[in-house]
Amino acid sequence: MTITKDALAVNHRHHRAALAIYFVIVLAHWAEHVSQAIQIYALGWPVHHARGVLGIPFPWLVSSEWMHYGYALLMLIGLILLRPAFIGRARTWWNVSLAIQVWHHFEHLLLLLQAMTGTNIFGRPVPTSLIQLLVPRVELHLFYNGVVFLPMVVAMVLHLRPSAGERAAMSCTCAGTPVSAR
C-alpha cells in the first residue's frame, strides 16, 4: 500500500490543528533557549546555573542528552510529517527549515552517542558537537533553534496566506476551503 499526501489526515483536515500543536511545542522550546540566554547575558548567571525555565526545578533536563536528542528527533519528525501539505513558496521555506533540522538532529545524535559510549570527540571532557568545536554550546543551540524556527514561521505564514494558485493546489483547509474541495 502506498501512502499518498492525502492519506494522512494530519495533512488534510487536521493540518491546521497539527501545525498549531507543533508550533506551541517549538515555541516553548525556543522560549527555553531565550530564557537561558537572558539568564546568562542579562542577569549575569554562570552558564552552569542558567537552565532556562524548566531546568530550574528539573536540572537533569539540561544535562540529559536523551532529552535534547528526543526533542531534535521530535522536531525532525514534525517537519517531515507536516511537509506534504505545504506547497509553493511555503514548501520552499519549510524545506529550508527541514534541511537545517536534519543537520541539527545529526549534531544531537553525535552528542547522544558520545554520552552513551563515554567517548568524546577530540578528547573533549564533555560530549561535543562538530560546530561546538567553534561556537559554545549555549550560543550554538540558540542559533540552531533560531535558524530552524525562522523559516518555519515564514512557511506557516505563507501557507496560511497562499496565492490564488497555491490555494487551488492545497490539500488541507488551513487557508480556508480549497478550491478543489468545493
C-alpha atoms as a PDB file:
ATOM      1  CA  MET A   1       0.000   0.000   0.000  1.00  0.00           C
ATOM      2  CA  THR A   2       1.352   3.423  -0.970  1.00  0.00           C
ATOM      3  CA  ILE A   3       0.760   6.356   1.334  1.00  0.00           C
ATOM      4  CA  THR A   4      -0.236   9.472  -0.595  1.00  0.00           C
ATOM      5  CA  LYS A   5      -0.127  13.037   0.704  1.00  0.00           C
ATOM      6  CA  ASP A   6      -3.889  12.905   1.292  1.00  0.00           C
ATOM      7  CA  ALA A   7      -3.806   9.551   3.090  1.00  0.00           C
ATOM      8  CA  LEU A   8      -2.795  11.157   6.361  1.00  0.00           C
ATOM      9  CA  ALA A   9      -5.500  13.305   7.930  1.00  0.00           C
ATOM     10  CA  VAL A  10      -2.731  15.349   9.518  1.00  0.00           C
ATOM     11  CA  ASN A  11      -2.040  16.745   6.050  1.00  0.00           C
ATOM     12  CA  HIS A  12      -5.663  17.247   5.167  1.00  0.00           C
ATOM     13  CA  ARG A  13      -8.485  18.109   7.560  1.00  0.00           C
ATOM     14  CA  HIS A  14      -6.291  18.137  10.697  1.00  0.00           C
ATOM     15  CA  HIS A  15      -3.321  20.019   9.258  1.00  0.00           C
ATOM     16  CA  ARG A  16      -4.125  23.364  10.864  1.00  0.00           C
ATOM     17  CA  ALA A  17      -4.592  21.785  14.323  1.00  0.00           C
ATOM     18  CA  ALA A  18      -1.421  19.702  13.936  1.00  0.00           C
ATOM     19  CA  LEU A  19       0.522  22.822  12.896  1.00  0.00           C
ATOM     20  CA  ALA A  20      -0.802  24.719  15.920  1.00  0.00           C
ATOM     21  CA  ILE A  21       0.229  21.948  18.344  1.00  0.00           C
ATOM     22  CA  TYR A  22       3.626  21.626  16.690  1.00  0.00           C
ATOM     23  CA  PHE A  23       4.125  25.408  16.769  1.00  0.00           C
ATOM     24  CA  VAL A  24       3.334  25.582  20.507  1.00  0.00           C
ATOM     25  CA  ILE A  25       5.896  22.838  21.222  1.00  0.00           C
ATOM     26  CA  VAL A  26       8.519  24.575  19.082  1.00  0.00           C
ATOM     27  CA  LEU A  27       7.769  27.962  20.636  1.00  0.00           C
ATOM     28  CA  ALA A  28       8.031  26.553  24.183  1.00  0.00           C
ATOM     29  CA  HIS A  29      11.421  25.042  23.383  1.00  0.00           C
ATOM     30  CA  TRP A  30      12.580  28.278  21.733  1.00  0.00           C
ATOM     31  CA  ALA A  31      11.460  30.174  24.874  1.00  0.00           C
ATOM     32  CA  GLU A  32      13.647  27.865  26.982  1.00  0.00           C
ATOM     33  CA  HIS A  33      16.718  28.801  24.923  1.00  0.00           C
ATOM     34  CA  VAL A  34      15.872  32.511  25.020  1.00  0.00           C
ATOM     35  CA  SER A  35      15.321  32.425  28.789  1.00  0.00           C
ATOM     36  CA  GLN A  36      18.670  30.652  29.238  1.00  0.00           C
ATOM     37  CA  ALA A  37      20.372  33.375  27.177  1.00  0.00           C
ATOM     38  CA  ILE A  38      18.649  36.065  29.284  1.00  0.00           C
ATOM     39  CA  GLN A  39      19.822  34.325  32.451  1.00  0.00           C
ATOM     40  CA  ILE A  40      23.420  34.384  31.174  1.00  0.00           C
ATOM     41  CA  TYR A  41      23.670  37.715  29.359  1.00  0.00           C
ATOM     42  CA  ALA A  42      21.105  39.947  31.100  1.00  0.00           C
ATOM     43  CA  LEU A  43      21.140  38.520  34.617  1.00  0.00           C
ATOM     44  CA  GLY A  44      24.817  37.547  34.677  1.00  0.00           C
ATOM     45  CA  TRP A  45      24.260  33.970  35.849  1.00  0.00           C
ATOM     46  CA  PRO A  46      27.105  31.499  35.313  1.00  0.00           C
ATOM     47  CA  VAL A  47      26.387  29.116  32.420  1.00  0.00           C
ATOM     48  CA  HIS A  48      26.058  26.092  34.735  1.00  0.00           C
ATOM     49  CA  HIS A  49      23.263  27.889  36.673  1.00  0.00           C
ATOM     50  CA  ALA A  50      21.412  29.152  33.586  1.00  0.00           C
ATOM     51  CA  ARG A  51      18.969  26.344  32.906  1.00  0.00           C
ATOM     52  CA  GLY A  52      16.037  28.075  31.267  1.00  0.00           C
ATOM     53  CA  VAL A  53      12.612  27.866  32.901  1.00  0.00           C
ATOM     54  CA  LEU A  54      12.062  24.112  33.274  1.00  0.00           C
ATOM     55  CA  GLY A  55      15.712  23.422  34.063  1.00  0.00           C
ATOM     56  CA  ILE A  56      15.495  25.346  37.339  1.00  0.00           C
ATOM     57  CA  PRO A  57      13.106  22.888  39.042  1.00  0.00           C
ATOM     58  CA  PHE A  58      14.327  19.946  36.922  1.00  0.00           C
ATOM     59  CA  PRO A  59      18.114  20.399  36.462  1.00  0.00           C
ATOM     60  CA  TRP A  60      18.537  16.957  34.893  1.00  0.00           C
ATOM     61  CA  LEU A  61      16.679  18.261  31.804  1.00  0.00           C
ATOM     62  CA  VAL A  62      19.603  20.498  30.892  1.00  0.00           C
ATOM     63  CA  SER A  63      22.209  17.757  31.198  1.00  0.00           C
ATOM     64  CA  SER A  64      20.174  14.935  29.632  1.00  0.00           C
ATOM     65  CA  GLU A  65      21.451  14.197  26.120  1.00  0.00           C
ATOM     66  CA  TRP A  66      18.458  11.849  25.726  1.00  0.00           C
ATOM     67  CA  MET A  67      16.053  14.737  26.320  1.00  0.00           C
ATOM     68  CA  HIS A  68      17.896  17.010  23.868  1.00  0.00           C
ATOM     69  CA  TYR A  69      18.104  14.259  21.265  1.00  0.00           C
ATOM     70  CA  GLY A  70      14.434  13.393  21.758  1.00  0.00           C
ATOM     71  CA  TYR A  71      13.438  16.980  21.101  1.00  0.00           C
ATOM     72  CA  ALA A  72      15.653  17.185  17.983  1.00  0.00           C
ATOM     73  CA  LEU A  73      14.043  13.964  16.737  1.00  0.00           C
ATOM     74  CA  LEU A  74      10.532  15.248  17.515  1.00  0.00           C
ATOM     75  CA  MET A  75      11.318  18.417  15.549  1.00  0.00           C
ATOM     76  CA  LEU A  76      12.574  16.371  12.604  1.00  0.00           C
ATOM     77  CA  ILE A  77       9.557  14.050  12.639  1.00  0.00           C
ATOM     78  CA  GLY A  78       7.174  17.013  12.820  1.00  0.00           C
ATOM     79  CA  LEU A  79       8.838  18.763   9.896  1.00  0.00           C
ATOM     80  CA  ILE A  80       8.686  15.575   7.806  1.00  0.00           C
ATOM     81  CA  LEU A  81       5.158  14.576   8.853  1.00  0.00           C
ATOM     82  CA  LEU A  82       3.610  18.003   8.205  1.00  0.00           C
ATOM     83  CA  ARG A  83       5.558  18.695   4.991  1.00  0.00           C
ATOM     84  CA  PRO A  84       3.237  17.093   2.385  1.00  0.00           C
ATOM     85  CA  ALA A  85       0.506  19.734   2.832  1.00  0.00           C
ATOM     86  CA  PHE A  86       2.928  22.595   2.167  1.00  0.00           C
ATOM     87  CA  ILE A  87       3.092  23.746  -1.447  1.00  0.00           C
ATOM     88  CA  GLY A  88       4.660  26.555  -3.457  1.00  0.00           C
ATOM     89  CA  ARG A  89       6.547  29.242  -1.569  1.00  0.00           C
ATOM     90  CA  ALA A  90       5.585  27.797   1.802  1.00  0.00           C
ATOM     91  CA  ARG A  91       7.046  24.415   0.816  1.00  0.00           C
ATOM     92  CA  THR A  92      10.361  26.065  -0.104  1.00  0.00           C
ATOM     93  CA  TRP A  93      10.667  27.700   3.325  1.00  0.00           C
ATOM     94  CA  TRP A  94       9.510  24.523   5.102  1.00  0.00           C
ATOM     95  CA  ASN A  95      12.233  22.613   3.220  1.00  0.00           C
ATOM     96  CA  VAL A  96      14.847  25.142   4.390  1.00  0.00           C
ATOM     97  CA  SER A  97      13.773  24.557   7.988  1.00  0.00           C
ATOM     98  CA  LEU A  98      13.816  20.786   7.424  1.00  0.00           C
ATOM     99  CA  ALA A  99      17.308  20.816   5.905  1.00  0.00           C
ATOM    100  CA  ILE A 100      18.722  22.777   8.839  1.00  0.00           C
ATOM    101  CA  GLN A 101      16.954  20.473  11.305  1.00  0.00           C
ATOM    102  CA  VAL A 102      18.486  17.416   9.611  1.00  0.00           C
ATOM    103  CA  TRP A 103      21.915  18.832  10.456  1.00  0.00           C
ATOM    104  CA  HIS A 104      20.792  19.876  13.967  1.00  0.00           C
ATOM    105  CA  HIS A 105      19.479  16.333  14.530  1.00  0.00           C
ATOM    106  CA  PHE A 106      22.800  14.869  13.361  1.00  0.00           C
ATOM    107  CA  GLU A 107      24.651  17.066  15.862  1.00  0.00           C
ATOM    108  CA  HIS A 108      22.378  15.853  18.684  1.00  0.00           C
ATOM    109  CA  LEU A 109      22.830  12.246  17.592  1.00  0.00           C
ATOM    110  CA  LEU A 110      26.582  12.771  17.782  1.00  0.00           C
ATOM    111  CA  LEU A 111      26.210  14.219  21.301  1.00  0.00           C
ATOM    112  CA  LEU A 112      23.986  11.315  22.387  1.00  0.00           C
ATOM    113  CA  LEU A 113      26.383   8.687  21.046  1.00  0.00           C
ATOM    114  CA  GLN A 114      29.265  10.307  22.931  1.00  0.00           C
ATOM    115  CA  ALA A 115      27.218  10.379  26.157  1.00  0.00           C
ATOM    116  CA  MET A 116      26.200   6.732  25.719  1.00  0.00           C
ATOM    117  CA  THR A 117      29.704   5.457  24.957  1.00  0.00           C
ATOM    118  CA  GLY A 118      31.635   7.763  27.278  1.00  0.00           C
ATOM    119  CA  THR A 119      33.971   8.576  24.383  1.00  0.00           C
ATOM    120  CA  ASN A 120      34.019  12.233  23.412  1.00  0.00           C
ATOM    121  CA  ILE A 121      35.383  13.530  20.116  1.00  0.00           C
ATOM    122  CA  PHE A 122      38.812  15.143  20.042  1.00  0.00           C
ATOM    123  CA  GLY A 123      39.409  14.160  23.670  1.00  0.00           C
ATOM    124  CA  ARG A 124      36.957  16.770  24.954  1.00  0.00           C
ATOM    125  CA  PRO A 125      35.881  16.421  28.608  1.00  0.00           C
ATOM    126  CA  VAL A 126      32.163  16.510  27.672  1.00  0.00           C
ATOM    127  CA  PRO A 127      30.123  15.436  24.630  1.00  0.00           C
ATOM    128  CA  THR A 128      30.794  17.960  21.876  1.00  0.00           C
ATOM    129  CA  SER A 129      29.115  18.544  18.523  1.00  0.00           C
ATOM    130  CA  LEU A 130      31.127  19.443  15.419  1.00  0.00           C
ATOM    131  CA  ILE A 131      30.141  23.111  15.258  1.00  0.00           C
ATOM    132  CA  GLN A 132      30.529  23.298  19.033  1.00  0.00           C
ATOM    133  CA  LEU A 133      34.258  22.999  18.394  1.00  0.00           C
ATOM    134  CA  LEU A 134      33.959  26.601  17.109  1.00  0.00           C
ATOM    135  CA  VAL A 135      30.952  28.031  18.975  1.00  0.00           C
ATOM    136  CA  PRO A 136      29.987  27.499  22.647  1.00  0.00           C
ATOM    137  CA  ARG A 137      27.014  25.179  23.200  1.00  0.00           C
ATOM    138  CA  VAL A 138      24.537  27.713  24.622  1.00  0.00           C
ATOM    139  CA  GLU A 139      25.061  30.145  21.753  1.00  0.00           C
ATOM    140  CA  LEU A 140      25.144  27.359  19.166  1.00  0.00           C
ATOM    141  CA  HIS A 141      21.809  25.860  20.201  1.00  0.00           C
ATOM    142  CA  LEU A 142      20.210  29.277  20.474  1.00  0.00           C
ATOM    143  CA  PHE A 143      21.394  29.857  16.888  1.00  0.00           C
ATOM    144  CA  TYR A 144      20.274  26.402  15.661  1.00  0.00           C
ATOM    145  CA  ASN A 145      16.808  26.808  17.109  1.00  0.00           C
ATOM    146  CA  GLY A 146      16.539  30.301  15.639  1.00  0.00           C
ATOM    147  CA  VAL A 147      17.563  29.276  12.132  1.00  0.00           C
ATOM    148  CA  VAL A 148      15.141  26.339  12.189  1.00  0.00           C
ATOM    149  CA  PHE A 149      12.341  28.453  13.689  1.00  0.00           C
ATOM    150  CA  LEU A 150      12.511  31.489  11.363  1.00  0.00           C
ATOM    151  CA  PRO A 151      11.985  29.701   8.018  1.00  0.00           C
ATOM    152  CA  MET A 152       9.311  27.572   9.711  1.00  0.00           C
ATOM    153  CA  VAL A 153       7.407  30.740  10.680  1.00  0.00           C
ATOM    154  CA  VAL A 154       7.784  32.154   7.156  1.00  0.00           C
ATOM    155  CA  ALA A 155       6.475  28.841   5.772  1.00  0.00           C
ATOM    156  CA  MET A 156       3.474  28.881   8.111  1.00  0.00           C
ATOM    157  CA  VAL A 157       2.581  32.483   7.259  1.00  0.00           C
ATOM    158  CA  LEU A 158       2.831  31.761   3.514  1.00  0.00           C
ATOM    159  CA  HIS A 159       0.849  28.547   3.990  1.00  0.00           C
ATOM    160  CA  LEU A 160      -1.967  30.385   5.770  1.00  0.00           C
ATOM    161  CA  ARG A 161      -1.902  33.204   3.164  1.00  0.00           C
ATOM    162  CA  PRO A 162      -1.372  31.394  -0.149  1.00  0.00           C
ATOM    163  CA  SER A 163      -1.562  32.918  -3.591  1.00  0.00           C
ATOM    164  CA  ALA A 164      -4.639  32.008  -5.636  1.00  0.00           C
ATOM    165  CA  GLY A 165      -2.695  29.304  -7.495  1.00  0.00           C
ATOM    166  CA  GLU A 166      -1.292  27.853  -4.285  1.00  0.00           C
ATOM    167  CA  ARG A 167      -4.728  27.863  -2.630  1.00  0.00           C
ATOM    168  CA  ALA A 168      -6.178  25.930  -5.576  1.00  0.00           C
ATOM    169  CA  ALA A 169      -3.492  23.247  -5.199  1.00  0.00           C
ATOM    170  CA  MET A 170      -3.765  22.894  -1.395  1.00  0.00           C
ATOM    171  CA  SER A 171      -4.913  19.573   0.045  1.00  0.00           C
ATOM    172  CA  CYS A 172      -5.611  20.997   3.517  1.00  0.00           C
ATOM    173  CA  THR A 173      -8.049  23.642   4.706  1.00  0.00           C
ATOM    174  CA  CYS A 174      -5.502  25.821   6.530  1.00  0.00           C
ATOM    175  CA  ALA A 175      -6.272  28.854   4.350  1.00  0.00           C
ATOM    176  CA  GLY A 176     -10.000  28.160   4.061  1.00  0.00           C
ATOM    177  CA  THR A 177     -11.787  25.673   1.885  1.00  0.00           C
ATOM    178  CA  PRO A 178      -9.569  24.593  -1.016  1.00  0.00           C
ATOM    179  CA  VAL A 179     -10.978  25.312  -4.451  1.00  0.00           C
ATOM    180  CA  SER A 180     -10.657  21.613  -5.392  1.00  0.00           C
ATOM    181  CA  ALA A 181     -12.953  20.616  -2.480  1.00  0.00           C
ATOM    182  CA  ARG A 182     -15.876  22.854  -3.485  1.00  0.00           C
END
